[in-house]
Amino acid sequence: MKYKTLSNGIQMPSIGLGTYPLYAKQLTDVLVMAYEEGYRLIDTADNYYNEKDLGESLYYIYNQLGAKREDFFLVSKVSDELYPIGDYRAGSNRGVYFWKSSRIMQSPNAVREILEEKIDNTLRFLKTDYLDLWLMHWPYPDFFLEIWHEMEKIYAAGKVKAIGVCNCRVRHLKALRDQGLSIPMVNQFESSPLNTKEEIIDYCINHGIEVMTYSPLMSLRFKDVPQYSALLTALSEKYYKNPAQIILRFDIQRGLIPIPKSIHRNRLTANIDLFDFELTDDEMLALMNCNQNRQTLPESKQCPGL
């Protein structure tokens, strides 16, 4: 496993495992396979509603496979609540937290109290006394600066080793800087060869912010871009890799940290087998030229900060 160094010196794996929507035994089975294949970065969120199951899965691995807490880089997110899986509004905020219209946000100390409660719940569910990386899930417009300020305090207290954001554009990061707040160590958002996000990625790289990409393989679902499909096929044949590996290698060479998810061992194995080949500059440019600024997921399309 190769590592990236965050702006505060913390070492972070260069690829990880997404866990939404995995629960119970399926999550444990996937995590065991992932651990055996070499994954160490595990990504979740409080509104994935699987932190408790993830904690139980990790406890099983600690006891049955001899792993230690420090072997893992655990990432979670502080969020509003989402509608439950299967609801047609899944992926949409319910408006429980971080909206001025919410009843529980009326107290002057609401943001502080909620964040303290949320991080304590996350640590308890994950059966740990620290989190490696804690992210603000969306740039909630009503309390964006206040949430970040309270996250800084929790970071200073040592409950989390690093803090960052998700789904933030350049204007959000500039707002933090203009208010004299710290620069996030990580920004996580959707990106792929069909959605290259050059402006925000360039800004992050130039300001020492590592970029995580969630659902990095979603672009494989689209069959209406023949140029893209043909390019992936040609590169797969050249390097004896599958299209998913080509996309993930593209992310790695851009300096990004992808967090693909799979429940199948063969795909878990392939998705981390990325470091024995390298795309040429021309091949990287050809993939970049496939960009269509195509947003696919609710977390991107409906993000209140976008």
Protein backbone atom coordinates (compact mmCIF):
# COMPACT_ATOMS: atom_id res chain seq x y z
CA MET A 1 0.00 0.00 0.00
CA LYS A 2 1.27 3.45 -0.91
CA TYR A 3 0.49 6.46 1.26
CA LYS A 4 -0.19 10.17 0.92
CA THR A 5 0.94 12.72 3.49
CA LEU A 6 -1.70 15.16 4.72
CA SER A 7 -0.81 18.77 5.43
CA ASN A 8 -0.42 17.98 9.15
CA GLY A 9 1.96 15.08 8.49
CA ILE A 10 -0.56 12.25 8.94
CA GLN A 11 -0.07 9.32 6.57
CA MET A 12 -3.18 8.33 4.60
CA PRO A 13 -3.53 5.30 2.28
CA SER A 14 -3.68 6.19 -1.40
CA ILE A 15 -6.79 4.08 -2.01
CA GLY A 16 -9.63 2.96 0.22
CA LEU A 17 -12.92 1.11 0.53
CA GLY A 18 -16.36 2.67 0.41
CA THR A 19 -18.98 1.03 2.63
CA TYR A 20 -22.34 2.47 1.53
CA PRO A 21 -24.76 0.72 1.58
CA LEU A 22 -23.29 -2.29 3.39
CA TYR A 23 -24.64 -3.61 6.69
CA ALA A 24 -24.46 -6.49 9.18
CA LYS A 25 -22.89 -9.76 8.00
CA GLN A 26 -22.41 -8.55 4.45
CA LEU A 27 -20.33 -5.64 5.74
CA THR A 28 -18.28 -7.97 7.94
CA ASP A 29 -17.65 -10.37 5.05
CA VAL A 30 -16.58 -7.53 2.74
CA LEU A 31 -14.34 -5.99 5.38
CA VAL A 32 -12.62 -9.31 6.07
CA MET A 33 -11.94 -9.81 2.37
CA ALA A 34 -10.77 -6.22 1.99
CA TYR A 35 -8.40 -6.52 4.94
CA GLU A 36 -6.95 -9.73 3.52
CA GLU A 37 -6.45 -8.02 0.15
CA GLY A 38 -4.59 -5.10 1.71
CA TYR A 39 -7.18 -2.36 2.16
CA ARG A 40 -6.60 -0.16 5.19
CA LEU A 41 -8.62 3.01 4.52
CA ILE A 42 -12.32 2.47 5.34
CA ASP A 43 -14.87 5.20 4.56
CA THR A 44 -18.28 5.65 6.17
CA ALA A 45 -20.60 8.41 7.43
CA ASP A 46 -23.02 8.91 10.28
CA ASN A 47 -25.93 9.04 7.83
CA TYR A 48 -24.96 5.79 6.13
CA TYR A 49 -26.36 4.26 9.34
CA ASN A 50 -23.70 1.54 9.33
CA GLU A 51 -21.11 2.88 11.78
CA LYS A 52 -22.24 0.48 14.48
CA ASP A 53 -22.08 -2.49 12.10
CA LEU A 54 -18.67 -1.31 10.93
CA GLY A 55 -17.46 -1.19 14.52
CA GLU A 56 -18.66 -4.76 15.09
CA SER A 57 -16.94 -5.84 11.87
CA LEU A 58 -13.67 -4.23 12.93
CA TYR A 59 -13.94 -5.83 16.37
CA TYR A 60 -14.30 -9.21 14.65
CA ILE A 61 -11.19 -8.56 12.54
CA TYR A 62 -9.19 -7.44 15.56
CA ASN A 63 -10.07 -10.63 17.41
CA GLN A 64 -10.10 -13.19 14.61
CA LEU A 65 -7.42 -11.93 12.23
CA GLY A 66 -5.00 -10.33 14.65
CA ALA A 67 -5.39 -6.83 13.24
CA LYS A 68 -4.94 -3.75 15.40
CA ARG A 69 -6.79 -0.45 15.45
CA GLU A 70 -3.71 1.37 14.18
CA ASP A 71 -3.69 -0.85 11.08
CA PHE A 72 -6.74 1.01 9.80
CA PHE A 73 -7.36 4.55 8.62
CA LEU A 74 -10.99 5.19 9.54
CA VAL A 75 -12.93 7.98 7.86
CA SER A 76 -16.41 9.16 8.80
CA LYS A 77 -18.55 12.20 8.13
CA VAL A 78 -20.78 14.53 10.10
CA SER A 79 -24.07 14.92 8.29
CA ASP A 80 -27.71 15.79 8.23
CA GLU A 81 -29.94 12.71 8.26
CA LEU A 82 -30.90 11.13 4.95
CA TYR A 83 -34.12 9.36 4.11
CA PRO A 84 -33.87 5.59 4.63
CA ILE A 85 -32.72 3.22 1.92
CA GLY A 86 -35.57 2.32 -0.39
CA ASP A 87 -37.25 5.69 0.04
CA TYR A 88 -37.60 7.49 -3.28
CA ARG A 89 -35.95 10.51 -1.66
CA ALA A 90 -32.86 8.54 -0.64
CA GLY A 91 -29.81 10.72 -0.93
CA SER A 92 -31.76 13.84 0.07
CA ASN A 93 -31.38 15.67 3.35
CA ARG A 94 -34.26 15.43 5.79
CA GLY A 95 -33.47 18.82 7.29
CA VAL A 96 -32.96 17.53 10.84
CA TYR A 97 -29.51 19.03 11.35
CA PHE A 98 -27.71 22.16 10.11
CA TRP A 99 -30.70 24.03 8.69
CA LYS A 100 -32.04 27.23 10.24
CA SER A 101 -35.56 25.91 9.78
CA SER A 102 -34.88 22.91 12.00
CA ARG A 103 -36.30 23.01 15.51
CA ILE A 104 -33.18 21.54 17.09
CA MET A 105 -30.95 24.22 15.57
CA GLN A 106 -32.56 27.11 17.46
CA SER A 107 -30.21 27.03 20.46
CA PRO A 108 -27.20 29.40 20.17
CA ASN A 109 -24.92 26.44 21.02
CA ALA A 110 -26.69 23.96 18.74
CA VAL A 111 -23.82 23.40 16.31
CA ARG A 112 -21.31 22.79 19.09
CA GLU A 113 -23.60 20.44 21.00
CA ILE A 114 -24.59 18.45 17.92
CA LEU A 115 -21.04 18.03 16.66
CA GLU A 116 -19.80 16.93 20.07
CA GLU A 117 -22.63 14.40 20.29
CA LYS A 118 -22.05 13.16 16.76
CA ILE A 119 -18.31 12.61 17.12
CA ASP A 120 -18.82 10.83 20.45
CA ASN A 121 -21.44 8.57 18.84
CA THR A 122 -19.15 7.84 15.89
CA LEU A 123 -16.26 6.89 18.18
CA ARG A 124 -18.52 4.72 20.33
CA PHE A 125 -20.02 2.95 17.32
CA LEU A 126 -16.62 2.34 15.75
CA LYS A 127 -15.21 1.11 19.08
CA THR A 128 -12.28 3.52 19.03
CA ASP A 129 -11.06 6.54 20.95
CA TYR A 130 -9.99 8.48 17.86
CA LEU A 131 -10.93 8.89 14.21
CA ASP A 132 -8.26 9.20 11.54
CA LEU A 133 -10.26 11.60 9.37
CA TRP A 134 -13.55 13.41 10.01
CA LEU A 135 -15.31 15.14 7.13
CA MET A 136 -18.17 17.63 6.85
CA HIS A 137 -20.43 15.69 4.49
CA TRP A 138 -21.89 18.67 2.61
CA PRO A 139 -21.15 22.41 2.80
CA TYR A 140 -24.40 23.12 4.66
CA PRO A 141 -25.01 26.76 3.71
CA ASP A 142 -26.81 27.85 6.90
CA PHE A 143 -23.98 26.76 9.23
CA PHE A 144 -20.98 26.03 7.01
CA LEU A 145 -18.48 28.25 8.83
CA GLU A 146 -19.82 27.37 12.28
CA ILE A 147 -19.58 23.63 11.62
CA TRP A 148 -15.99 23.96 10.44
CA HIS A 149 -15.03 26.08 13.44
CA GLU A 150 -16.40 23.43 15.82
CA MET A 151 -14.64 20.68 13.85
CA GLU A 152 -11.39 22.58 14.36
CA LYS A 153 -11.98 22.50 18.11
CA ILE A 154 -12.66 18.75 18.12
CA TYR A 155 -9.50 18.22 16.05
CA ALA A 156 -7.51 20.31 18.55
CA ALA A 157 -8.92 18.17 21.37
CA GLY A 158 -7.41 15.04 19.76
CA LYS A 159 -10.58 13.09 19.04
CA VAL A 160 -9.78 13.16 15.32
CA LYS A 161 -6.36 13.07 13.64
CA ALA A 162 -7.40 15.10 10.59
CA ILE A 163 -10.42 17.05 9.35
CA GLY A 164 -11.79 17.85 5.94
CA VAL A 165 -14.86 18.49 3.84
CA CYS A 166 -16.92 16.87 1.10
CA ASN A 167 -18.56 18.25 -2.03
CA CYS A 168 -16.93 21.65 -1.65
CA ARG A 169 -16.17 23.95 -4.55
CA VAL A 170 -13.48 26.58 -4.70
CA ARG A 171 -15.79 29.24 -3.26
CA HIS A 172 -16.35 27.20 -0.10
CA LEU A 173 -12.64 26.76 0.50
CA LYS A 174 -12.03 30.46 -0.16
CA ALA A 175 -14.75 31.31 2.37
CA LEU A 176 -12.89 29.38 5.06
CA ARG A 177 -9.63 31.11 4.17
CA ASP A 178 -11.26 34.56 4.11
CA GLN A 179 -12.62 33.99 7.63
CA GLY A 180 -9.17 33.06 8.92
CA LEU A 181 -10.13 29.43 9.47
CA SER A 182 -7.84 26.49 8.79
CA ILE A 183 -7.57 24.89 5.36
CA PRO A 184 -9.21 21.44 5.16
CA MET A 185 -6.78 18.57 4.88
CA VAL A 186 -9.07 16.63 2.54
CA ASN A 187 -11.93 17.38 0.14
CA GLN A 188 -14.01 14.38 -0.97
CA PHE A 189 -16.26 14.58 -4.02
CA GLU A 190 -17.37 12.75 -7.15
CA SER A 191 -14.94 12.67 -10.07
CA SER A 192 -14.24 10.44 -13.05
CA PRO A 193 -12.98 10.74 -16.63
CA LEU A 194 -16.52 11.90 -17.49
CA ASN A 195 -16.42 14.49 -14.69
CA THR A 196 -12.83 15.61 -14.25
CA LYS A 197 -13.47 18.59 -11.91
CA GLU A 198 -10.26 20.29 -13.02
CA GLU A 199 -10.85 23.65 -11.32
CA ILE A 200 -11.47 22.30 -7.82
CA ILE A 201 -8.81 19.57 -8.11
CA ASP A 202 -6.19 22.08 -9.24
CA TYR A 203 -7.16 24.39 -6.38
CA CYS A 204 -6.90 21.60 -3.83
CA ILE A 205 -3.53 20.37 -5.09
CA ASN A 206 -2.15 23.92 -5.12
CA HIS A 207 -3.29 24.47 -1.51
CA GLY A 208 -2.15 21.18 0.00
CA ILE A 209 -5.63 19.62 0.18
CA GLU A 210 -5.80 15.91 -0.63
CA VAL A 211 -8.72 14.85 -2.82
CA MET A 212 -10.78 11.71 -2.22
CA THR A 213 -13.14 10.52 -4.96
CA TYR A 214 -16.25 8.61 -3.97
CA SER A 215 -18.02 6.15 -6.27
CA PRO A 216 -15.13 6.49 -8.73
CA LEU A 217 -16.40 3.71 -11.00
CA MET A 218 -19.91 5.04 -11.61
CA SER A 219 -18.91 6.15 -15.11
CA LEU A 220 -18.72 2.49 -16.16
CA ARG A 221 -22.51 2.39 -16.06
CA PHE A 222 -22.83 4.78 -18.96
CA LYS A 223 -22.91 3.11 -22.36
CA ASP A 224 -23.74 6.27 -24.33
CA VAL A 225 -20.17 7.58 -24.67
CA PRO A 226 -18.56 5.39 -27.35
CA GLN A 227 -15.28 7.34 -27.32
CA TYR A 228 -14.90 6.63 -23.61
CA SER A 229 -15.86 2.96 -23.85
CA ALA A 230 -13.50 2.38 -26.77
CA LEU A 231 -10.63 4.09 -24.98
CA LEU A 232 -11.12 2.02 -21.84
CA THR A 233 -11.23 -1.15 -23.92
CA ALA A 234 -8.02 -0.27 -25.76
CA LEU A 235 -6.17 0.60 -22.57
CA SER A 236 -7.43 -2.54 -20.84
CA GLU A 237 -6.11 -4.69 -23.67
CA LYS A 238 -2.75 -2.89 -23.69
CA TYR A 239 -2.10 -3.18 -19.95
CA TYR A 240 -3.93 -6.47 -19.28
CA LYS A 241 -6.16 -4.66 -16.79
CA ASN A 242 -9.92 -4.24 -16.59
CA PRO A 243 -11.68 -0.91 -17.26
CA ALA A 244 -12.17 -0.27 -13.53
CA GLN A 245 -8.43 -0.57 -12.96
CA ILE A 246 -7.76 1.90 -15.79
CA ILE A 247 -10.10 4.45 -14.17
CA LEU A 248 -8.63 3.96 -10.71
CA ARG A 249 -5.10 4.23 -12.08
CA PHE A 250 -6.19 7.46 -13.79
CA ASP A 251 -7.27 8.78 -10.39
CA ILE A 252 -4.04 7.69 -8.73
CA GLN A 253 -1.91 9.42 -11.37
CA ARG A 254 -3.95 12.61 -10.95
CA GLY A 255 -2.98 12.51 -7.28
CA LEU A 256 -6.47 11.53 -6.09
CA ILE A 257 -7.50 8.96 -3.46
CA PRO A 258 -10.32 6.80 -4.86
CA ILE A 259 -12.60 4.79 -2.56
CA PRO A 260 -14.31 2.14 -4.71
CA LYS A 261 -16.78 -0.30 -3.21
CA SER A 262 -17.42 -3.94 -4.08
CA ILE A 263 -18.82 -7.01 -2.37
CA HIS A 264 -16.87 -9.42 -4.61
CA ARG A 265 -13.39 -10.63 -3.73
CA ASN A 266 -12.15 -10.67 -7.33
CA ARG A 267 -13.12 -7.03 -7.76
CA LEU A 268 -11.68 -6.06 -4.40
CA THR A 269 -8.44 -7.70 -5.48
CA ALA A 270 -8.41 -5.97 -8.86
CA ASN A 271 -9.36 -2.54 -7.51
CA ILE A 272 -6.24 -2.37 -5.37
CA ASP A 273 -3.89 -3.93 -7.96
CA LEU A 274 -2.94 -0.60 -9.51
CA PHE A 275 0.73 -0.05 -8.89
CA ASP A 276 2.42 -2.27 -11.48
CA PHE A 277 1.58 -0.15 -14.53
CA GLU A 278 1.44 3.52 -15.50
CA LEU A 279 -0.62 5.35 -18.10
CA THR A 280 1.32 7.57 -20.48
CA ASP A 281 0.84 11.32 -20.61
CA ASP A 282 -1.05 10.96 -23.91
CA GLU A 283 -3.33 8.31 -22.40
CA MET A 284 -4.03 10.50 -19.38
CA LEU A 285 -4.88 13.39 -21.72
CA ALA A 286 -7.15 11.17 -23.80
CA LEU A 287 -9.07 10.19 -20.66
CA MET A 288 -9.23 13.83 -19.54
CA ASN A 289 -10.70 14.71 -22.93
CA CYS A 290 -13.64 12.40 -22.24
CA ASN A 291 -14.93 14.94 -19.70
CA GLN A 292 -18.62 15.87 -19.94
CA ASN A 293 -19.00 17.41 -16.46
CA ARG A 294 -21.43 14.57 -15.78
CA GLN A 295 -22.74 14.54 -12.21
CA THR A 296 -24.42 11.25 -11.38
CA LEU A 297 -25.10 10.84 -7.67
CA PRO A 298 -27.63 12.58 -5.41
CA GLU A 299 -24.78 13.62 -3.12
CA SER A 300 -23.47 15.67 -6.03
CA LYS A 301 -26.65 16.74 -7.82
CA GLN A 302 -28.58 17.75 -4.70
CA CYS A 303 -25.73 19.08 -2.57
CA PRO A 304 -26.91 22.38 -1.09
CA GLY A 305 -23.51 23.91 -1.56
CA LEU A 306 -23.40 23.27 -5.31
